[in-house]
Amino acid sequence: MDSLTDLEAARGSAGSFLQYYWEAAEHDTVEELEDDEAEIRAAYTAIQAVAPDDPASLTGLTLLQLGTLRAHLNDEFGTSEDHFDYEHTPPVGLDEEDEQGRELAAEVVRAAERALALQGSDNLAAFSRACALHWLGEHEAAADAYRDVLRIDPYDHIAKARMEQLEGVELPEPPGGLVTHHPHGFHLLEMTHLIGHSGSAKGWVWLFSDPASVRSAAEGCLETWLAGLGHGLDHECGIWTHVPGSADKGFALREAIHRTAEGRPFIDWSQVPLPDLGLDPLPAGQPIRWQGQLHFFGVTEHDDS
């Protein structure tokens, strides 16, 4: 890597591979994922050789460890519910005899703490740490860790539910307009249709740090998204922007969708607020956790039909 462009490309490539790994960990075993895990780790190690204090790499390595723990948990407990993001089923804990699982969870804690030492408002690292402590049965430490998650993002409903369960309390719902403390600016675009009462969806979610990519993604899928109207229970077509230090802004993109005289749909971007992201936009390839959901840089396709 000889330039900033090479570094950005390396981050993007590692982030894409990490997304594949996370999705594969829902079904594959730790042993089946060994080669992929080693390749992703090597990619982040190469980035750190050039940029030792690269927070995107530390976040990626934390999620890599969490993905490996995910594979172990799915192998041990099944895949009917997500072991990290299912609100109504908290972690049941790892058996003392489960040496592999406990070591994997401890590795998540160590990786997350390295990421948080460099960037204390990394909500993905903070939530990963809290989950791992919860699975290790360290309930007091886990509750404190979930409290840290809510300090960064008061709208993380999973962290709120876990803390309520651990401490036997009922926390008030956060009011609107609070500032979330994610360190980087980003745009999140969602164009989906709700197709099941369980929350299953069809469509796309994109995470970007530049307006041109947002516009290109929305225009590329506009006709397909419009064709799905009327075939689902609900729909989402919106853009959310996070600028560090400011309250997050959302815009219902459907309000800016019009048709030409010939009937062709288009988006009037003059109606769409896409604020400048400030001095620290999200690096390419870096995943985030925002309002209780994991998002990967670029596109995530949902097809639960």
Protein backbone atom coordinates (compact mmCIF):
# COMPACT_ATOMS: atom_id res chain seq x y z
CA MET A 1 0.00 0.00 0.00
CA ASP A 2 1.76 3.10 -1.24
CA SER A 3 -0.96 5.72 -1.01
CA LEU A 4 -4.12 6.82 0.75
CA THR A 5 -6.07 5.47 -2.21
CA ASP A 6 -4.50 2.03 -1.71
CA LEU A 7 -5.36 2.18 1.99
CA GLU A 8 -8.99 3.05 1.26
CA ALA A 9 -9.20 0.23 -1.27
CA ALA A 10 -7.73 -2.22 1.24
CA ARG A 11 -10.22 -1.15 3.91
CA GLY A 12 -13.09 -1.52 1.44
CA SER A 13 -11.97 -4.98 0.36
CA ALA A 14 -11.52 -6.18 3.94
CA GLY A 15 -14.92 -4.76 4.89
CA SER A 16 -16.65 -6.60 2.03
CA PHE A 17 -14.99 -9.88 2.99
CA LEU A 18 -15.97 -9.26 6.63
CA GLN A 19 -19.62 -8.84 5.60
CA TYR A 20 -19.50 -12.18 3.79
CA TYR A 21 -17.89 -13.77 6.87
CA TRP A 22 -20.55 -12.41 9.22
CA GLU A 23 -23.33 -13.76 7.04
CA ALA A 24 -21.58 -17.13 6.61
CA ALA A 25 -21.12 -17.41 10.39
CA GLU A 26 -24.89 -17.80 10.72
CA HIS A 27 -24.63 -21.26 9.14
CA ASP A 28 -20.96 -22.39 9.02
CA THR A 29 -18.91 -23.75 11.89
CA VAL A 30 -15.78 -22.19 13.34
CA GLU A 31 -13.70 -24.89 11.68
CA GLU A 32 -15.31 -24.28 8.28
CA LEU A 33 -14.51 -20.58 8.55
CA GLU A 34 -10.88 -20.93 9.64
CA ASP A 35 -9.32 -20.09 6.27
CA ASP A 36 -11.60 -17.08 5.72
CA GLU A 37 -10.91 -15.83 9.24
CA ALA A 38 -7.16 -16.04 8.66
CA GLU A 39 -7.41 -14.21 5.34
CA ILE A 40 -9.46 -11.35 6.79
CA ARG A 41 -7.14 -11.06 9.78
CA ALA A 42 -4.15 -10.90 7.42
CA ALA A 43 -5.85 -8.12 5.44
CA TYR A 44 -6.36 -6.02 8.57
CA THR A 45 -2.81 -6.78 9.74
CA ALA A 46 -1.49 -5.44 6.43
CA ILE A 47 -3.50 -2.25 6.89
CA GLN A 48 -2.19 -1.82 10.42
CA ALA A 49 1.38 -2.24 9.18
CA VAL A 50 0.85 0.96 7.18
CA ALA A 51 -1.51 2.72 9.61
CA PRO A 52 -0.93 1.30 13.13
CA ASP A 53 -3.59 3.46 14.77
CA ASP A 54 -6.28 2.68 12.21
CA PRO A 55 -9.64 2.56 14.05
CA ALA A 56 -11.45 0.98 11.10
CA SER A 57 -9.15 -2.06 11.31
CA LEU A 58 -9.68 -2.45 15.05
CA THR A 59 -13.45 -2.25 14.59
CA GLY A 60 -13.23 -4.81 11.80
CA LEU A 61 -11.12 -7.18 13.92
CA THR A 62 -13.63 -6.87 16.75
CA LEU A 63 -16.51 -7.84 14.47
CA LEU A 64 -14.39 -10.65 13.03
CA GLN A 65 -13.99 -12.07 16.53
CA LEU A 66 -17.69 -11.60 17.22
CA GLY A 67 -18.48 -13.40 13.97
CA THR A 68 -16.36 -16.36 15.03
CA LEU A 69 -18.19 -16.44 18.36
CA ARG A 70 -21.45 -16.24 16.39
CA ALA A 71 -20.49 -19.36 14.43
CA HIS A 72 -19.73 -21.20 17.66
CA LEU A 73 -23.02 -20.16 19.29
CA ASN A 74 -25.04 -21.14 16.23
CA ASP A 75 -23.35 -24.54 16.26
CA GLU A 76 -24.02 -24.97 19.98
CA PHE A 77 -27.47 -23.41 20.35
CA GLY A 78 -28.98 -23.33 16.83
CA THR A 79 -29.91 -20.45 14.52
CA SER A 80 -33.59 -19.86 15.19
CA GLU A 81 -32.78 -16.50 16.80
CA ASP A 82 -29.87 -14.09 16.46
CA HIS A 83 -27.69 -14.52 19.54
CA PHE A 84 -26.70 -10.87 19.61
CA ASP A 85 -29.60 -8.87 18.21
CA TYR A 86 -32.76 -10.66 19.33
CA GLU A 87 -34.40 -8.30 21.78
CA HIS A 88 -36.52 -10.75 23.75
CA THR A 89 -33.99 -13.57 24.28
CA PRO A 90 -30.91 -12.46 26.21
CA PRO A 91 -27.72 -14.55 26.16
CA VAL A 92 -28.14 -17.72 28.20
CA GLY A 93 -24.46 -17.93 29.06
CA LEU A 94 -21.66 -20.29 28.12
CA ASP A 95 -21.04 -23.44 30.15
CA GLU A 96 -17.88 -23.52 32.22
CA GLU A 97 -16.91 -26.65 30.27
CA ASP A 98 -17.22 -24.81 26.93
CA GLU A 99 -13.56 -23.86 26.72
CA GLN A 100 -13.66 -22.91 23.05
CA GLY A 101 -16.72 -20.68 23.45
CA ARG A 102 -15.37 -18.95 26.55
CA GLU A 103 -12.02 -18.28 24.90
CA LEU A 104 -13.75 -16.89 21.79
CA ALA A 105 -15.88 -14.59 23.98
CA ALA A 106 -12.78 -13.46 25.89
CA GLU A 107 -11.09 -12.67 22.57
CA VAL A 108 -14.08 -10.49 21.61
CA VAL A 109 -13.66 -8.56 24.87
CA ARG A 110 -9.94 -8.05 24.25
CA ALA A 111 -10.44 -6.95 20.63
CA ALA A 112 -13.25 -4.56 21.61
CA GLU A 113 -11.18 -3.01 24.39
CA ARG A 114 -8.33 -2.35 21.95
CA ALA A 115 -10.78 -0.62 19.60
CA LEU A 116 -12.35 1.40 22.42
CA ALA A 117 -8.96 2.47 23.75
CA LEU A 118 -8.38 4.17 20.40
CA GLN A 119 -11.94 5.36 19.78
CA GLY A 120 -14.10 5.39 22.89
CA SER A 121 -17.34 6.13 21.03
CA ASP A 122 -17.16 3.06 18.77
CA ASN A 123 -20.65 1.71 19.44
CA LEU A 124 -20.05 -1.53 17.53
CA ALA A 125 -17.03 -2.35 19.68
CA ALA A 126 -18.89 -1.32 22.83
CA PHE A 127 -21.88 -3.55 22.00
CA SER A 128 -19.61 -6.46 21.03
CA ARG A 129 -17.86 -6.19 24.39
CA ALA A 130 -21.16 -6.09 26.27
CA CYS A 131 -22.49 -9.16 24.45
CA ALA A 132 -19.33 -11.17 25.08
CA LEU A 133 -19.35 -10.31 28.78
CA HIS A 134 -23.02 -11.30 28.91
CA TRP A 135 -22.27 -14.68 27.33
CA LEU A 136 -19.39 -15.16 29.79
CA GLY A 137 -21.86 -14.73 32.65
CA GLU A 138 -20.21 -11.55 33.95
CA HIS A 139 -23.55 -9.87 34.50
CA GLU A 140 -22.46 -6.80 36.46
CA ALA A 141 -19.73 -5.99 33.96
CA ALA A 142 -22.14 -6.67 31.07
CA ALA A 143 -24.73 -4.27 32.51
CA ASP A 144 -22.07 -1.57 32.82
CA ALA A 145 -20.99 -2.26 29.24
CA TYR A 146 -24.55 -1.99 27.92
CA ARG A 147 -24.79 1.30 29.82
CA ASP A 148 -21.74 2.49 27.85
CA VAL A 149 -23.52 1.48 24.63
CA LEU A 150 -26.53 3.61 25.58
CA ARG A 151 -24.26 6.53 26.43
CA ILE A 152 -22.96 6.40 22.85
CA ASP A 153 -26.33 5.66 21.23
CA PRO A 154 -29.39 6.14 23.46
CA TYR A 155 -31.57 4.60 20.71
CA ASP A 156 -29.91 1.16 20.87
CA HIS A 157 -33.05 -0.73 21.90
CA ILE A 158 -31.24 -4.07 22.19
CA ALA A 159 -28.75 -2.69 24.71
CA LYS A 160 -31.66 -1.10 26.60
CA ALA A 161 -33.58 -4.40 26.75
CA ARG A 162 -30.48 -6.31 27.88
CA MET A 163 -29.71 -3.80 30.62
CA GLU A 164 -33.32 -3.92 31.84
CA GLN A 165 -33.14 -7.71 32.01
CA LEU A 166 -29.81 -7.76 33.84
CA GLU A 167 -30.73 -5.10 36.40
CA GLY A 168 -34.45 -5.86 36.76
CA VAL A 169 -35.47 -2.30 35.88
CA GLU A 170 -37.60 -0.59 33.27
CA LEU A 171 -35.85 2.28 31.56
CA PRO A 172 -37.79 5.17 29.99
CA GLU A 173 -37.91 5.46 26.22
CA PRO A 174 -35.42 8.05 24.98
CA PRO A 175 -36.95 11.27 23.65
CA GLY A 176 -36.42 12.30 20.05
CA GLY A 177 -33.65 14.65 19.05
CA LEU A 178 -30.88 13.25 21.24
CA VAL A 179 -27.32 13.35 19.92
CA THR A 180 -25.73 9.97 19.22
CA HIS A 181 -21.98 9.95 19.65
CA HIS A 182 -20.75 7.86 16.74
CA PRO A 183 -17.29 9.15 15.79
CA HIS A 184 -17.76 9.31 12.00
CA GLY A 185 -20.26 10.98 9.70
CA PHE A 186 -22.30 8.78 7.37
CA HIS A 187 -25.39 8.54 5.19
CA LEU A 188 -27.72 5.54 5.52
CA LEU A 189 -30.14 4.89 2.66
CA GLU A 190 -32.92 2.31 2.96
CA MET A 191 -35.31 1.16 0.22
CA THR A 192 -37.16 -1.90 1.52
CA HIS A 193 -40.57 -3.52 1.72
CA LEU A 194 -41.85 -5.29 4.83
CA ILE A 195 -43.15 -8.65 3.61
CA GLY A 196 -43.78 -10.60 6.81
CA HIS A 197 -45.28 -10.01 10.24
CA SER A 198 -42.03 -11.20 11.82
CA GLY A 199 -40.17 -8.24 10.32
CA SER A 200 -38.83 -9.94 7.19
CA ALA A 201 -37.94 -7.48 4.47
CA LYS A 202 -37.03 -7.28 0.79
CA GLY A 203 -34.88 -4.54 -0.65
CA TRP A 204 -31.60 -2.79 0.10
CA VAL A 205 -29.80 -0.76 2.76
CA TRP A 206 -26.70 1.24 1.89
CA LEU A 207 -24.08 2.85 4.11
CA PHE A 208 -21.96 5.55 2.49
CA SER A 209 -19.87 8.58 3.32
CA ASP A 210 -20.39 10.58 0.13
CA PRO A 211 -23.59 12.00 -1.45
CA ALA A 212 -22.75 10.84 -5.00
CA SER A 213 -22.88 7.18 -3.93
CA VAL A 214 -26.22 7.76 -2.19
CA ARG A 215 -27.72 9.32 -5.31
CA SER A 216 -26.40 6.60 -7.59
CA ALA A 217 -27.71 3.79 -5.39
CA ALA A 218 -31.18 5.32 -5.00
CA GLU A 219 -31.57 6.03 -8.71
CA GLY A 220 -30.33 2.57 -9.66
CA CYS A 221 -33.00 0.80 -7.61
CA LEU A 222 -35.84 3.31 -7.86
CA GLU A 223 -37.98 1.53 -10.45
CA THR A 224 -37.58 -1.85 -8.77
CA TRP A 225 -38.55 -0.39 -5.40
CA LEU A 226 -41.59 1.37 -6.86
CA ALA A 227 -42.70 -1.88 -8.53
CA GLY A 228 -42.88 -3.49 -5.09
CA LEU A 229 -45.37 -0.99 -3.68
CA GLY A 230 -48.62 -2.69 -2.82
CA HIS A 231 -47.02 -6.11 -2.47
CA GLY A 232 -45.88 -5.81 1.14
CA LEU A 233 -47.19 -4.89 4.56
CA ASP A 234 -45.24 -1.63 4.71
CA HIS A 235 -42.34 0.10 3.04
CA GLU A 236 -39.32 2.23 3.85
CA CYS A 237 -37.68 4.73 1.55
CA GLY A 238 -35.52 7.15 3.46
CA ILE A 239 -32.11 8.67 4.07
CA TRP A 240 -30.61 9.25 7.50
CA THR A 241 -27.50 11.32 8.07
CA HIS A 242 -25.24 11.33 11.08
CA VAL A 243 -22.88 14.25 11.59
CA PRO A 244 -20.76 13.99 14.76
CA GLY A 245 -21.96 16.39 17.41
CA SER A 246 -25.42 16.88 15.87
CA ALA A 247 -28.76 15.13 16.17
CA ASP A 248 -29.31 12.61 13.39
CA LYS A 249 -31.43 13.81 10.47
CA GLY A 250 -33.89 11.71 8.48
CA PHE A 251 -35.71 12.40 5.24
CA ALA A 252 -38.56 10.45 3.64
CA LEU A 253 -37.14 10.05 0.15
CA ARG A 254 -40.54 9.20 -1.30
CA GLU A 255 -41.46 12.87 -0.94
CA ALA A 256 -38.86 13.69 -3.60
CA ILE A 257 -39.96 11.02 -6.10
CA HIS A 258 -41.80 12.44 -9.12
CA ARG A 259 -42.61 11.37 -12.67
CA THR A 260 -41.85 12.97 -15.99
CA ALA A 261 -44.60 13.73 -18.52
CA GLU A 262 -43.85 10.33 -20.04
CA GLY A 263 -44.34 8.62 -16.69
CA ARG A 264 -40.70 7.87 -15.91
CA PRO A 265 -39.89 8.13 -12.17
CA PHE A 266 -37.06 10.34 -10.97
CA ILE A 267 -35.76 11.81 -7.72
CA ASP A 268 -35.58 15.57 -7.38
CA TRP A 269 -32.36 15.81 -5.40
CA SER A 270 -32.86 19.52 -4.83
CA GLN A 271 -35.52 18.49 -2.29
CA VAL A 272 -33.26 16.05 -0.46
CA PRO A 273 -31.04 17.33 2.37
CA LEU A 274 -27.64 15.63 2.31
CA PRO A 275 -25.61 17.58 4.87
CA ASP A 276 -21.85 17.75 4.76
CA LEU A 277 -20.44 15.03 7.02
CA GLY A 278 -17.81 17.21 8.62
CA LEU A 279 -14.12 16.53 9.06
CA ASP A 280 -14.32 12.81 9.83
CA PRO A 281 -16.49 10.85 7.38
CA LEU A 282 -16.83 7.10 7.85
CA PRO A 283 -13.87 5.27 6.24
CA ALA A 284 -14.72 2.95 3.36
CA GLY A 285 -15.26 -0.61 4.54
CA GLN A 286 -15.95 0.22 8.20
CA PRO A 287 -19.11 -1.34 9.66
CA ILE A 288 -21.16 0.51 12.26
CA ARG A 289 -23.84 -0.15 14.83
CA TRP A 290 -26.53 2.53 14.74
CA GLN A 291 -29.86 2.61 16.59
CA GLY A 292 -29.60 -1.04 17.51
CA GLN A 293 -28.65 -2.41 14.08
CA LEU A 294 -25.45 -3.57 12.42
CA HIS A 295 -24.70 -1.98 9.06
CA PHE A 296 -21.93 -2.79 6.59
CA PHE A 297 -20.34 -0.20 4.34
CA GLY A 298 -21.78 -0.29 0.84
CA VAL A 299 -24.90 -2.30 0.09
CA THR A 300 -26.71 -4.98 2.09
CA GLU A 301 -29.45 -6.77 0.22
CA HIS A 302 -32.43 -8.12 2.15
CA ASP A 303 -34.45 -10.91 0.57
CA ASP A 304 -36.37 -12.78 3.25
CA SER A 305 -39.11 -13.90 0.87
